[in-house]
Amino acid sequence: MRWENLTVESGGHSRAADAALFGADAVTTRTFDTPEFAGITFHEIRARSIINRVPGVSRMSFDWTVNPYRGCSHACVYCFARKTHSYLDLDTGIGFDTQIVVKVNAPELLRRQLGSRRWQGEHIAMGTNVDCYQRAEGRYRLMPGIIAALRDHANPFSILTKGTLILRDLDLLKQAAAVTDVGISVSVGFTDPGLWRTVEPGTPAPERRLEVVRTLGEHGIGCGVLMAPVIPFLGDDPAQLRATVRAIAAAGATSVTPLVLHLRPGAREWFMAWLGRHHPYLVRRYERLYADGAYAPKWYQRRITRQVHELAQEYGIGPSRPGMPRRIRPPEATQPAAAPAPADGTSEPTQLTLI
């Protein structure tokens, strides 16, 4: 495996090299004889850097990320992060789902980097590449130390997850929110159980994720929902969109932000192979819809965004405001008023945003 090609500067986003992020001699490979980890191999490494700069060409609305894991047992067939496994000579299909890289020193390394004079205290996003609350976190417990470091340095951060394990760290999140800006989003693209079982087989069910939203709200932590992905021809029927937004509203989400499926290299091949097995009649329609690249056409994105925003307004929730951090406040604090809708009534497609 080309461990030495994963560099400090790139964070796996390119091959341009500074010092290697970790060396091959620092890798320990483990398997665990427990049902929840059956068929999964863990590669434990001691990273040399943990705060990664997002490439300038990215559509993300944040500049810095922390990713304690690479690969993800959620096994979402559409996951855009699959390509990053190829940087390590690991397979972007089943290998991405079962070969998990664990940065075992992530908490201590983050604490050291946050204390550096060079660090300016900028917002850090987590869960943007792979889920930091995937099953591995139940064993390795990296997130409590990471959140504690961010809390102790009063460094703003956000978390996006499909995992219910985030509730384990509820007290730490409340402590961090008392000293800095914290944003929490849960990803729920649809509530259809049949679709969930085939495209997100390793994730908690959508209703369990929405229970996370409800529980966080009951503890004074506002939680938004990233309605992602909206899957063309499988999850975009008006009745399906309505059912999903209604469930999101019932869970008490502070916002709902739709994001149409995008198919980057690595993910595209794996998803299209899955589509050919499960829904072969849709293959040609997808080839036409995504003929120009990784993203669906703007007209399609606008249509989905408009429908979701109209439903959100009907059910009493609204879209998040891109680029604005959402502060998790203690229960006794005054909550800010909801952001007004755009004056011109337009609904532009929303790209992935956690803050």
Foldseek 3Di string as FASTA:
>chain_A
DPQQQCEQACNLVDRDHDGRQFDPVQWDKDADPDPLQPLAIEIEGATPAFWYADDPPDPELFGIEGEQKFAALLQQLQQPLLVSCVSVVAASHVRSNHYMYGNLCRLVRLLVVLPDPPDPLAEYEYCPRHAPQGPVCVPSVPVVSNLVSCQVSLREYEYEHLALCVVVCLVSLQSSLVRHFYFYEYEAQFQPVVVCCQRRVRGDHNLSSLLSQLVCVVQQFAYAYENPAQEPPPQQDLVGLLVVLLSNLVSPHQAYAYHYRFHAPSSNVSVLVSCCVPPVVCNVVVCVQQVPHRDGDQVVLQVSQLSNQVSNVVSPHHHDDAPDGHRRHGNVDDHDDDDDDDPVPGGGRDDDYRD
